Amino acid sequence: MQNKVHHNKINTMIDILKKITLLSVLCLCCCGVTYAQKVKKVTGTYTYVLPQDISREQGKHIALERAKEDAINSAFGQIIARENLTRINMHNGETTTDFSSLGQSLTRGEWVETIGEPKFDIGYDEIQDCLIITCTVNGRVREIVAAKAEFEWKVLRNIPDSKFESYEFKDGDQLFISFMTPKDGYIAIYLIDAENNANCLIPYASDADGYEYVNHGEEYIFFAPTNNDIDDFIVDTSNAVDAIRLYCNGRPEINQIRIIFSPNPFTKPIDHLNTDSGIYSLPLEKFEKWLLECQRNDSQMSVDARNVNVSR
């Protein structure tokens, strides 16, 4: 009887130790996830002197992006990389050599979500004879603590070939996007229009799965017709390819293209079909909330955004 009680006590102690060990492992995992997903609420401000060849709307976009960078750098700091360049110019048979040193700032974080509407204060500098745009923006930023999956992409105008990269479109020009990643994963592409709608370009409108898988080391040209004669890239033959054209309503517009990539599967947010364009879309505010939740749950998710100007 004593031996049985003794064995029961030993088994009970072993069970307790197992539970403590398991709890410790879970706590370490949770701490690791919390650290990797560190998010801060920030405010950034930037004053931009508008050059003569830049429109007011373009200047507001530039001021906004630099205000975001200011907020990220204030929260997490930045890395300064310096590169020395030597440029040789030839003109009328004469050769000149220019030496310059360029500094590049690399942020330690990324912008996750915009809170409320950015505030713009536009003034006029009589001495410099130019407009001055000051932007203040509130949002949430996340510290980059681990290497994310990298990818390369280009915006192409009218011709589905990566040599025709352009971010200046005329009304009615056709859009293509080239994409390549060194790692298998999942991709989504959204276009943010002037009305603050997030339009889902990839996955295609006819794709019922809600996600798009890409293979590593392959160049994809999205929105390219399947009968294209160029053989150096992959086109999607499993779904009806959506032809994308960019338009503006009289005055120039700035659209933003966002690419979301992760080695982990994710599905797009709930959206609704726009019968005029044939593309699914949702309000930008709901899109950013969905994206924030995705990034919180997936530290390997990468997001990149570029502006495309559309004019007549």
C-alpha atoms as a PDB file:
ATOM      1  CA  MET A   1       0.000   0.000   0.000  1.00  0.00           C
ATOM      2  CA  GLN A   2       2.845   2.382   0.853  1.00  0.00           C
ATOM      3  CA  ASN A   3       4.602   1.604  -2.444  1.00  0.00           C
ATOM      4  CA  LYS A   4       1.396   2.375  -4.339  1.00  0.00           C
ATOM      5  CA  VAL A   5       1.001   5.700  -2.536  1.00  0.00           C
ATOM      6  CA  HIS A   6       4.667   6.492  -3.174  1.00  0.00           C
ATOM      7  CA  HIS A   7       4.309   5.761  -6.908  1.00  0.00           C
ATOM      8  CA  ASN A   8       1.155   7.901  -7.060  1.00  0.00           C
ATOM      9  CA  LYS A   9       3.028  10.823  -5.489  1.00  0.00           C
ATOM     10  CA  ILE A  10       5.880  10.430  -7.983  1.00  0.00           C
ATOM     11  CA  ASN A  11       3.455  10.310 -10.923  1.00  0.00           C
ATOM     12  CA  THR A  12       1.643  13.374  -9.604  1.00  0.00           C
ATOM     13  CA  MET A  13       4.929  15.294  -9.315  1.00  0.00           C
ATOM     14  CA  ILE A  14       5.897  14.258 -12.857  1.00  0.00           C
ATOM     15  CA  ASP A  15       2.540  15.472 -14.176  1.00  0.00           C
ATOM     16  CA  ILE A  16       3.004  18.798 -12.393  1.00  0.00           C
ATOM     17  CA  LEU A  17       6.521  19.191 -13.828  1.00  0.00           C
ATOM     18  CA  LYS A  18       5.204  18.415 -17.321  1.00  0.00           C
ATOM     19  CA  LYS A  19       2.511  21.059 -16.956  1.00  0.00           C
ATOM     20  CA  ILE A  20       5.008  23.624 -15.659  1.00  0.00           C
ATOM     21  CA  THR A  21       7.376  22.865 -18.560  1.00  0.00           C
ATOM     22  CA  LEU A  22       4.568  23.142 -21.102  1.00  0.00           C
ATOM     23  CA  LEU A  23       3.372  26.400 -19.561  1.00  0.00           C
ATOM     24  CA  SER A  24       6.920  27.808 -19.672  1.00  0.00           C
ATOM     25  CA  VAL A  25       7.263  26.912 -23.356  1.00  0.00           C
ATOM     26  CA  LEU A  26       3.925  28.536 -24.156  1.00  0.00           C
ATOM     27  CA  CYS A  27       4.916  31.668 -22.265  1.00  0.00           C
ATOM     28  CA  LEU A  28       8.207  31.884 -24.167  1.00  0.00           C
ATOM     29  CA  CYS A  29       6.382  31.450 -27.477  1.00  0.00           C
ATOM     30  CA  CYS A  30       3.842  34.107 -26.585  1.00  0.00           C
ATOM     31  CA  CYS A  31       6.581  36.500 -25.494  1.00  0.00           C
ATOM     32  CA  GLY A  32       8.380  35.905 -28.779  1.00  0.00           C
ATOM     33  CA  VAL A  33       5.241  36.592 -30.807  1.00  0.00           C
ATOM     34  CA  THR A  34       4.456  39.705 -28.779  1.00  0.00           C
ATOM     35  CA  TYR A  35       7.951  41.056 -29.344  1.00  0.00           C
ATOM     36  CA  ALA A  36       7.866  40.311 -33.066  1.00  0.00           C
ATOM     37  CA  GLN A  37       4.475  42.008 -33.410  1.00  0.00           C
ATOM     38  CA  LYS A  38       5.329  45.146 -31.394  1.00  0.00           C
ATOM     39  CA  VAL A  39       2.924  47.898 -32.480  1.00  0.00           C
ATOM     40  CA  LYS A  40       2.992  51.547 -31.353  1.00  0.00           C
ATOM     41  CA  LYS A  41       0.591  54.440 -31.779  1.00  0.00           C
ATOM     42  CA  VAL A  42       2.475  57.414 -33.251  1.00  0.00           C
ATOM     43  CA  THR A  43       2.169  60.885 -34.752  1.00  0.00           C
ATOM     44  CA  GLY A  44       4.338  62.167 -37.587  1.00  0.00           C
ATOM     45  CA  THR A  45       4.767  65.625 -39.113  1.00  0.00           C
ATOM     46  CA  TYR A  46       6.591  66.784 -42.222  1.00  0.00           C
ATOM     47  CA  THR A  47       6.826  70.111 -44.044  1.00  0.00           C
ATOM     48  CA  TYR A  48       7.318  69.887 -47.806  1.00  0.00           C
ATOM     49  CA  VAL A  49       8.380  72.786 -50.042  1.00  0.00           C
ATOM     50  CA  LEU A  50       6.450  72.263 -53.275  1.00  0.00           C
ATOM     51  CA  PRO A  51       8.572  72.534 -56.452  1.00  0.00           C
ATOM     52  CA  GLN A  52       7.102  74.264 -59.504  1.00  0.00           C
ATOM     53  CA  ASP A  53       6.840  71.025 -61.497  1.00  0.00           C
ATOM     54  CA  ILE A  54       4.903  69.099 -58.818  1.00  0.00           C
ATOM     55  CA  SER A  55       1.119  69.418 -58.487  1.00  0.00           C
ATOM     56  CA  ARG A  56      -0.521  70.196 -55.158  1.00  0.00           C
ATOM     57  CA  GLU A  57      -2.043  66.705 -54.921  1.00  0.00           C
ATOM     58  CA  GLN A  58       1.308  65.057 -55.609  1.00  0.00           C
ATOM     59  CA  GLY A  59       2.892  67.308 -52.982  1.00  0.00           C
ATOM     60  CA  LYS A  60       0.301  66.247 -50.412  1.00  0.00           C
ATOM     61  CA  HIS A  61       1.077  62.585 -51.100  1.00  0.00           C
ATOM     62  CA  ILE A  62       4.821  63.217 -50.718  1.00  0.00           C
ATOM     63  CA  ALA A  63       4.303  65.134 -47.470  1.00  0.00           C
ATOM     64  CA  LEU A  64       2.093  62.324 -46.142  1.00  0.00           C
ATOM     65  CA  GLU A  65       4.610  59.574 -46.912  1.00  0.00           C
ATOM     66  CA  ARG A  66       7.451  61.536 -45.324  1.00  0.00           C
ATOM     67  CA  ALA A  67       5.317  62.287 -42.259  1.00  0.00           C
ATOM     68  CA  LYS A  68       4.844  58.523 -41.894  1.00  0.00           C
ATOM     69  CA  GLU A  69       8.610  58.009 -42.160  1.00  0.00           C
ATOM     70  CA  ASP A  70       9.114  60.684 -39.487  1.00  0.00           C
ATOM     71  CA  ALA A  71       6.739  58.831 -37.159  1.00  0.00           C
ATOM     72  CA  ILE A  72       8.469  55.475 -37.726  1.00  0.00           C
ATOM     73  CA  ASN A  73      11.938  56.956 -37.188  1.00  0.00           C
ATOM     74  CA  SER A  74      10.796  58.691 -33.995  1.00  0.00           C
ATOM     75  CA  ALA A  75       9.436  55.408 -32.657  1.00  0.00           C
ATOM     76  CA  PHE A  76      12.222  53.003 -33.624  1.00  0.00           C
ATOM     77  CA  GLY A  77      15.128  55.025 -35.026  1.00  0.00           C
ATOM     78  CA  GLN A  78      16.800  54.520 -38.391  1.00  0.00           C
ATOM     79  CA  ILE A  79      19.938  53.127 -39.996  1.00  0.00           C
ATOM     80  CA  ILE A  80      22.083  55.509 -42.041  1.00  0.00           C
ATOM     81  CA  ALA A  81      23.931  53.941 -44.952  1.00  0.00           C
ATOM     82  CA  ARG A  82      26.415  56.080 -46.895  1.00  0.00           C
ATOM     83  CA  GLU A  83      27.654  55.381 -50.401  1.00  0.00           C
ATOM     84  CA  ASN A  84      30.374  57.177 -52.348  1.00  0.00           C
ATOM     85  CA  LEU A  85      29.686  57.593 -56.059  1.00  0.00           C
ATOM     86  CA  THR A  86      31.920  58.645 -58.930  1.00  0.00           C
ATOM     87  CA  ARG A  87      30.185  59.885 -62.089  1.00  0.00           C
ATOM     88  CA  ILE A  88      32.047  60.411 -65.378  1.00  0.00           C
ATOM     89  CA  ASN A  89      30.402  62.741 -67.933  1.00  0.00           C
ATOM     90  CA  MET A  90      31.427  63.324 -71.550  1.00  0.00           C
ATOM     91  CA  HIS A  91      30.302  66.465 -73.384  1.00  0.00           C
ATOM     92  CA  ASN A  92      31.724  67.937 -76.606  1.00  0.00           C
ATOM     93  CA  GLY A  93      34.773  65.701 -76.341  1.00  0.00           C
ATOM     94  CA  GLU A  94      35.574  66.802 -72.787  1.00  0.00           C
ATOM     95  CA  THR A  95      35.425  64.482 -69.785  1.00  0.00           C
ATOM     96  CA  THR A  96      34.457  65.646 -66.309  1.00  0.00           C
ATOM     97  CA  THR A  97      34.390  63.601 -63.115  1.00  0.00           C
ATOM     98  CA  ASP A  98      31.964  64.301 -60.289  1.00  0.00           C
ATOM     99  CA  PHE A  99      32.372  62.803 -56.848  1.00  0.00           C
ATOM    100  CA  SER A 100      29.412  62.646 -54.510  1.00  0.00           C
ATOM    101  CA  SER A 101      28.485  60.981 -51.268  1.00  0.00           C
ATOM    102  CA  LEU A 102      24.907  59.864 -50.825  1.00  0.00           C
ATOM    103  CA  GLY A 103      23.237  59.047 -47.538  1.00  0.00           C
ATOM    104  CA  GLN A 104      20.332  56.638 -47.386  1.00  0.00           C
ATOM    105  CA  SER A 105      18.122  56.216 -44.340  1.00  0.00           C
ATOM    106  CA  LEU A 106      16.659  52.801 -43.644  1.00  0.00           C
ATOM    107  CA  THR A 107      13.760  52.698 -41.214  1.00  0.00           C
ATOM    108  CA  ARG A 108      13.556  50.094 -38.451  1.00  0.00           C
ATOM    109  CA  GLY A 109       9.785  49.838 -38.693  1.00  0.00           C
ATOM    110  CA  GLU A 110       6.825  49.918 -41.047  1.00  0.00           C
ATOM    111  CA  TRP A 111       3.537  51.777 -41.246  1.00  0.00           C
ATOM    112  CA  VAL A 112       0.610  49.508 -40.363  1.00  0.00           C
ATOM    113  CA  GLU A 113      -2.521  51.654 -40.086  1.00  0.00           C
ATOM    114  CA  THR A 114      -3.638  55.260 -40.474  1.00  0.00           C
ATOM    115  CA  ILE A 115      -5.876  56.558 -37.681  1.00  0.00           C
ATOM    116  CA  GLY A 116      -8.339  59.209 -38.794  1.00  0.00           C
ATOM    117  CA  GLU A 117      -7.672  61.609 -41.656  1.00  0.00           C
ATOM    118  CA  PRO A 118      -4.249  63.209 -42.229  1.00  0.00           C
ATOM    119  CA  LYS A 119      -4.235  66.968 -41.654  1.00  0.00           C
ATOM    120  CA  PHE A 120      -2.711  69.286 -44.253  1.00  0.00           C
ATOM    121  CA  ASP A 121      -1.727  72.919 -43.683  1.00  0.00           C
ATOM    122  CA  ILE A 122      -0.942  74.680 -46.966  1.00  0.00           C
ATOM    123  CA  GLY A 123       0.788  78.036 -46.902  1.00  0.00           C
ATOM    124  CA  TYR A 124       2.672  80.321 -49.255  1.00  0.00           C
ATOM    125  CA  ASP A 125       6.301  81.417 -48.921  1.00  0.00           C
ATOM    126  CA  GLU A 126       6.697  84.820 -50.568  1.00  0.00           C
ATOM    127  CA  ILE A 127      10.490  84.732 -50.387  1.00  0.00           C
ATOM    128  CA  GLN A 128      10.809  81.375 -52.184  1.00  0.00           C
ATOM    129  CA  ASP A 129       7.640  82.004 -54.254  1.00  0.00           C
ATOM    130  CA  CYS A 130       6.258  78.539 -53.599  1.00  0.00           C
ATOM    131  CA  LEU A 131       3.676  76.598 -51.627  1.00  0.00           C
ATOM    132  CA  ILE A 132       4.590  74.893 -48.361  1.00  0.00           C
ATOM    133  CA  ILE A 133       2.631  71.810 -47.322  1.00  0.00           C
ATOM    134  CA  THR A 134       2.734  70.591 -43.729  1.00  0.00           C
ATOM    135  CA  CYS A 135       1.198  67.185 -43.057  1.00  0.00           C
ATOM    136  CA  THR A 136       0.388  65.632 -39.682  1.00  0.00           C
ATOM    137  CA  VAL A 137      -0.729  62.016 -39.535  1.00  0.00           C
ATOM    138  CA  ASN A 138      -1.636  59.621 -36.721  1.00  0.00           C
ATOM    139  CA  GLY A 139      -1.304  55.886 -37.004  1.00  0.00           C
ATOM    140  CA  ARG A 140       0.182  52.641 -35.799  1.00  0.00           C
ATOM    141  CA  VAL A 141       3.650  51.387 -36.699  1.00  0.00           C
ATOM    142  CA  ARG A 142       5.358  48.057 -36.183  1.00  0.00           C
ATOM    143  CA  GLU A 143       9.004  47.419 -35.430  1.00  0.00           C
ATOM    144  CA  ILE A 144      10.856  45.204 -37.880  1.00  0.00           C
ATOM    145  CA  VAL A 145      12.624  42.590 -35.773  1.00  0.00           C
ATOM    146  CA  ALA A 146      13.009  39.740 -38.261  1.00  0.00           C
ATOM    147  CA  ALA A 147      13.753  39.353 -41.943  1.00  0.00           C
ATOM    148  CA  LYS A 148      10.621  39.322 -44.061  1.00  0.00           C
ATOM    149  CA  ALA A 149      10.068  37.511 -47.321  1.00  0.00           C
ATOM    150  CA  GLU A 150      11.458  39.737 -50.073  1.00  0.00           C
ATOM    151  CA  PHE A 151      10.027  40.279 -53.526  1.00  0.00           C
ATOM    152  CA  GLU A 152      10.556  42.433 -56.600  1.00  0.00           C
ATOM    153  CA  TRP A 153       7.825  44.070 -58.623  1.00  0.00           C
ATOM    154  CA  LYS A 154       7.278  46.706 -61.305  1.00  0.00           C
ATOM    155  CA  VAL A 155       4.349  48.652 -62.673  1.00  0.00           C
ATOM    156  CA  LEU A 156       4.169  48.297 -66.460  1.00  0.00           C
ATOM    157  CA  ARG A 157       2.297  50.554 -68.877  1.00  0.00           C
ATOM    158  CA  ASN A 158       0.517  49.160 -71.984  1.00  0.00           C
ATOM    159  CA  ILE A 159       3.094  46.451 -72.781  1.00  0.00           C
ATOM    160  CA  PRO A 160       3.408  43.301 -70.607  1.00  0.00           C
ATOM    161  CA  ASP A 161       7.193  43.329 -70.495  1.00  0.00           C
ATOM    162  CA  SER A 162       9.289  44.270 -67.443  1.00  0.00           C
ATOM    163  CA  LYS A 163      11.361  46.660 -69.618  1.00  0.00           C
ATOM    164  CA  PHE A 164       8.344  49.001 -69.857  1.00  0.00           C
ATOM    165  CA  GLU A 165       8.218  50.120 -66.232  1.00  0.00           C
ATOM    166  CA  SER A 166       6.341  53.398 -65.704  1.00  0.00           C
ATOM    167  CA  TYR A 167       4.413  55.237 -63.000  1.00  0.00           C
ATOM    168  CA  GLU A 168       3.021  57.953 -65.285  1.00  0.00           C
ATOM    169  CA  PHE A 169      -0.173  56.812 -67.027  1.00  0.00           C
ATOM    170  CA  LYS A 170      -2.485  58.488 -69.506  1.00  0.00           C
ATOM    171  CA  ASP A 171      -6.247  58.128 -69.266  1.00  0.00           C
ATOM    172  CA  GLY A 172      -7.169  54.650 -70.571  1.00  0.00           C
ATOM    173  CA  ASP A 173      -3.662  53.154 -70.433  1.00  0.00           C
ATOM    174  CA  GLN A 174      -3.495  49.450 -69.620  1.00  0.00           C
ATOM    175  CA  LEU A 175      -1.848  48.273 -66.411  1.00  0.00           C
ATOM    176  CA  PHE A 176       0.372  45.219 -65.956  1.00  0.00           C
ATOM    177  CA  ILE A 177       2.432  44.213 -62.927  1.00  0.00           C
ATOM    178  CA  SER A 178       5.543  42.053 -62.945  1.00  0.00           C
ATOM    179  CA  PHE A 179       6.333  40.116 -59.781  1.00  0.00           C
ATOM    180  CA  MET A 180       9.075  37.766 -58.580  1.00  0.00           C
ATOM    181  CA  THR A 181       9.904  36.270 -55.193  1.00  0.00           C
ATOM    182  CA  PRO A 182      12.668  33.955 -53.945  1.00  0.00           C
ATOM    183  CA  LYS A 183      10.144  32.084 -51.806  1.00  0.00           C
ATOM    184  CA  ASP A 184       6.874  30.263 -52.509  1.00  0.00           C
ATOM    185  CA  GLY A 185       3.902  32.069 -51.055  1.00  0.00           C
ATOM    186  CA  TYR A 186       0.665  33.943 -51.457  1.00  0.00           C
ATOM    187  CA  ILE A 187       0.016  37.344 -53.024  1.00  0.00           C
ATOM    188  CA  ALA A 188      -2.732  39.951 -53.138  1.00  0.00           C
ATOM    189  CA  ILE A 189      -2.708  43.197 -55.151  1.00  0.00           C
ATOM    190  CA  TYR A 190      -4.962  46.162 -54.382  1.00  0.00           C
ATOM    191  CA  LEU A 191      -5.439  49.522 -56.068  1.00  0.00           C
ATOM    192  CA  ILE A 192      -6.422  52.438 -53.817  1.00  0.00           C
ATOM    193  CA  ASP A 193      -8.322  54.961 -55.941  1.00  0.00           C
ATOM    194  CA  ALA A 194      -9.028  58.670 -55.491  1.00  0.00           C
ATOM    195  CA  GLU A 195     -12.352  57.877 -53.778  1.00  0.00           C
ATOM    196  CA  ASN A 196     -10.571  55.886 -51.041  1.00  0.00           C
ATOM    197  CA  ASN A 197     -11.774  52.505 -52.225  1.00  0.00           C
ATOM    198  CA  ALA A 198      -9.530  49.440 -52.069  1.00  0.00           C
ATOM    199  CA  ASN A 199     -10.025  47.550 -55.341  1.00  0.00           C
ATOM    200  CA  CYS A 200      -8.905  43.914 -55.404  1.00  0.00           C
ATOM    201  CA  LEU A 201      -6.898  43.243 -58.569  1.00  0.00           C
ATOM    202  CA  ILE A 202      -5.359  39.945 -57.424  1.00  0.00           C
ATOM    203  CA  PRO A 203      -6.906  37.436 -56.763  1.00  0.00           C
ATOM    204  CA  TYR A 204      -8.876  37.853 -59.985  1.00  0.00           C
ATOM    205  CA  ALA A 205     -12.594  38.564 -59.728  1.00  0.00           C
ATOM    206  CA  SER A 206     -13.440  35.084 -61.049  1.00  0.00           C
ATOM    207  CA  ASP A 207     -11.259  33.316 -58.465  1.00  0.00           C
ATOM    208  CA  ALA A 208     -13.517  31.809 -55.815  1.00  0.00           C
ATOM    209  CA  ASP A 209     -10.623  30.630 -53.608  1.00  0.00           C
ATOM    210  CA  GLY A 210      -9.856  34.108 -52.244  1.00  0.00           C
ATOM    211  CA  TYR A 211      -6.086  33.714 -52.559  1.00  0.00           C
ATOM    212  CA  GLU A 212      -3.363  33.550 -55.229  1.00  0.00           C
ATOM    213  CA  TYR A 213      -0.356  31.213 -54.945  1.00  0.00           C
ATOM    214  CA  VAL A 214       3.003  32.012 -56.578  1.00  0.00           C
ATOM    215  CA  ASN A 215       6.130  29.906 -57.040  1.00  0.00           C
ATOM    216  CA  HIS A 216       9.614  31.113 -56.155  1.00  0.00           C
ATOM    217  CA  GLY A 217      12.078  32.145 -58.858  1.00  0.00           C
ATOM    218  CA  GLU A 218       9.429  32.702 -61.537  1.00  0.00           C
ATOM    219  CA  GLU A 219       8.530  36.054 -63.077  1.00  0.00           C
ATOM    220  CA  TYR A 220       4.791  36.663 -63.182  1.00  0.00           C
ATOM    221  CA  ILE A 221       3.093  39.265 -65.351  1.00  0.00           C
ATOM    222  CA  PHE A 222      -0.344  39.874 -63.923  1.00  0.00           C
ATOM    223  CA  PHE A 223      -3.257  41.004 -66.141  1.00  0.00           C
ATOM    224  CA  ALA A 224      -1.416  39.760 -69.244  1.00  0.00           C
ATOM    225  CA  PRO A 225      -3.433  37.852 -71.868  1.00  0.00           C
ATOM    226  CA  THR A 226      -2.789  34.117 -71.933  1.00  0.00           C
ATOM    227  CA  ASN A 227      -1.949  34.129 -75.652  1.00  0.00           C
ATOM    228  CA  ASN A 228       0.950  36.558 -75.261  1.00  0.00           C
ATOM    229  CA  ASP A 229       3.986  35.741 -77.406  1.00  0.00           C
ATOM    230  CA  ILE A 230       6.538  36.522 -74.691  1.00  0.00           C
ATOM    231  CA  ASP A 231       7.697  33.262 -73.103  1.00  0.00           C
ATOM    232  CA  ASP A 232       9.931  34.578 -70.313  1.00  0.00           C
ATOM    233  CA  PHE A 233       7.165  34.945 -67.726  1.00  0.00           C
ATOM    234  CA  ILE A 234       4.225  33.016 -66.326  1.00  0.00           C
ATOM    235  CA  VAL A 235       0.614  33.983 -66.976  1.00  0.00           C
ATOM    236  CA  ASP A 236      -2.362  32.668 -65.045  1.00  0.00           C
ATOM    237  CA  THR A 237      -4.336  30.303 -67.262  1.00  0.00           C
ATOM    238  CA  SER A 238      -6.542  28.872 -64.504  1.00  0.00           C
ATOM    239  CA  ASN A 239      -8.800  31.926 -64.278  1.00  0.00           C
ATOM    240  CA  ALA A 240     -10.195  34.559 -66.596  1.00  0.00           C
ATOM    241  CA  VAL A 241      -7.571  37.315 -66.637  1.00  0.00           C
ATOM    242  CA  ASP A 242      -8.923  40.751 -65.750  1.00  0.00           C
ATOM    243  CA  ALA A 243      -7.766  43.502 -68.116  1.00  0.00           C
ATOM    244  CA  ILE A 244      -6.993  46.601 -66.023  1.00  0.00           C
ATOM    245  CA  ARG A 245      -7.084  50.127 -67.430  1.00  0.00           C
ATOM    246  CA  LEU A 246      -6.575  53.315 -65.427  1.00  0.00           C
ATOM    247  CA  TYR A 247      -8.792  56.363 -65.877  1.00  0.00           C
ATOM    248  CA  CYS A 248      -9.127  59.829 -64.383  1.00  0.00           C
ATOM    249  CA  ASN A 249     -12.121  62.138 -64.162  1.00  0.00           C
ATOM    250  CA  GLY A 250     -10.772  65.176 -65.974  1.00  0.00           C
ATOM    251  CA  ARG A 251      -8.117  66.270 -63.487  1.00  0.00           C
ATOM    252  CA  PRO A 252      -4.966  64.217 -62.728  1.00  0.00           C
ATOM    253  CA  GLU A 253      -5.365  61.531 -60.089  1.00  0.00           C
ATOM    254  CA  ILE A 254      -2.967  59.563 -57.917  1.00  0.00           C
ATOM    255  CA  ASN A 255      -3.704  55.898 -57.397  1.00  0.00           C
ATOM    256  CA  GLN A 256      -1.771  53.702 -55.012  1.00  0.00           C
ATOM    257  CA  ILE A 257      -0.947  50.064 -55.717  1.00  0.00           C
ATOM    258  CA  ARG A 258      -0.280  47.825 -52.737  1.00  0.00           C
ATOM    259  CA  ILE A 259       1.230  44.370 -52.956  1.00  0.00           C
ATOM    260  CA  ILE A 260       0.800  41.986 -50.038  1.00  0.00           C
ATOM    261  CA  PHE A 261       2.948  38.854 -49.902  1.00  0.00           C
ATOM    262  CA  SER A 262       3.480  36.130 -47.325  1.00  0.00           C
ATOM    263  CA  PRO A 263       4.845  32.582 -47.312  1.00  0.00           C
ATOM    264  CA  ASN A 264       1.823  31.792 -45.157  1.00  0.00           C
ATOM    265  CA  PRO A 265      -1.707  31.493 -46.610  1.00  0.00           C
ATOM    266  CA  PHE A 266      -4.180  34.333 -46.115  1.00  0.00           C
ATOM    267  CA  THR A 267      -7.531  35.157 -47.669  1.00  0.00           C
ATOM    268  CA  LYS A 268      -8.792  38.520 -48.848  1.00  0.00           C
ATOM    269  CA  PRO A 269     -11.327  40.539 -46.809  1.00  0.00           C
ATOM    270  CA  ILE A 270     -15.070  40.618 -47.402  1.00  0.00           C
ATOM    271  CA  ASP A 271     -15.755  42.856 -50.406  1.00  0.00           C
ATOM    272  CA  HIS A 272     -18.485  43.545 -52.940  1.00  0.00           C
ATOM    273  CA  LEU A 273     -18.594  43.476 -56.719  1.00  0.00           C
ATOM    274  CA  ASN A 274     -18.558  46.855 -58.449  1.00  0.00           C
ATOM    275  CA  THR A 275     -20.860  46.279 -61.425  1.00  0.00           C
ATOM    276  CA  ASP A 276     -19.351  49.212 -63.337  1.00  0.00           C
ATOM    277  CA  SER A 277     -15.735  47.995 -63.166  1.00  0.00           C
ATOM    278  CA  GLY A 278     -16.336  44.269 -62.659  1.00  0.00           C
ATOM    279  CA  ILE A 279     -13.864  44.346 -59.750  1.00  0.00           C
ATOM    280  CA  TYR A 280     -14.470  43.578 -56.089  1.00  0.00           C
ATOM    281  CA  SER A 281     -13.787  46.464 -53.718  1.00  0.00           C
ATOM    282  CA  LEU A 282     -14.301  47.706 -50.165  1.00  0.00           C
ATOM    283  CA  PRO A 283     -13.802  51.016 -48.312  1.00  0.00           C
ATOM    284  CA  LEU A 284     -10.177  51.847 -47.552  1.00  0.00           C
ATOM    285  CA  GLU A 285     -10.865  52.027 -43.797  1.00  0.00           C
ATOM    286  CA  LYS A 286     -12.151  48.428 -43.708  1.00  0.00           C
ATOM    287  CA  PHE A 287      -9.283  47.282 -45.914  1.00  0.00           C
ATOM    288  CA  GLU A 288      -6.686  48.777 -43.577  1.00  0.00           C
ATOM    289  CA  LYS A 289      -8.316  47.162 -40.543  1.00  0.00           C
ATOM    290  CA  TRP A 290      -8.173  43.793 -42.299  1.00  0.00           C
ATOM    291  CA  LEU A 291      -4.540  44.363 -43.278  1.00  0.00           C
ATOM    292  CA  LEU A 292      -3.632  45.369 -39.722  1.00  0.00           C
ATOM    293  CA  GLU A 293      -5.136  42.155 -38.371  1.00  0.00           C
ATOM    294  CA  CYS A 294      -3.253  40.107 -40.977  1.00  0.00           C
ATOM    295  CA  GLN A 295       0.051  41.734 -40.066  1.00  0.00           C
ATOM    296  CA  ARG A 296      -0.561  41.213 -36.370  1.00  0.00           C
ATOM    297  CA  ASN A 297      -1.062  37.501 -36.978  1.00  0.00           C
ATOM    298  CA  ASP A 298       1.744  37.063 -39.503  1.00  0.00           C
ATOM    299  CA  SER A 299       5.145  38.620 -38.802  1.00  0.00           C
ATOM    300  CA  GLN A 300       6.430  37.359 -42.182  1.00  0.00           C
ATOM    301  CA  MET A 301       3.855  39.289 -44.197  1.00  0.00           C
ATOM    302  CA  SER A 302       5.397  41.995 -46.387  1.00  0.00           C
ATOM    303  CA  VAL A 303       3.523  45.005 -47.804  1.00  0.00           C
ATOM    304  CA  ASP A 304       4.833  47.443 -50.393  1.00  0.00           C
ATOM    305  CA  ALA A 305       3.056  50.433 -51.938  1.00  0.00           C
ATOM    306  CA  ARG A 306       3.742  52.713 -54.894  1.00  0.00           C
ATOM    307  CA  ASN A 307       1.882  55.680 -56.381  1.00  0.00           C
ATOM    308  CA  VAL A 308       0.771  55.825 -60.001  1.00  0.00           C
ATOM    309  CA  ASN A 309      -0.149  59.162 -61.581  1.00  0.00           C
ATOM    310  CA  VAL A 310      -2.998  59.203 -64.120  1.00  0.00           C
ATOM    311  CA  SER A 311      -3.656  62.224 -66.337  1.00  0.00           C
ATOM    312  CA  ARG A 312      -5.288  63.095 -69.654  1.00  0.00           C
END
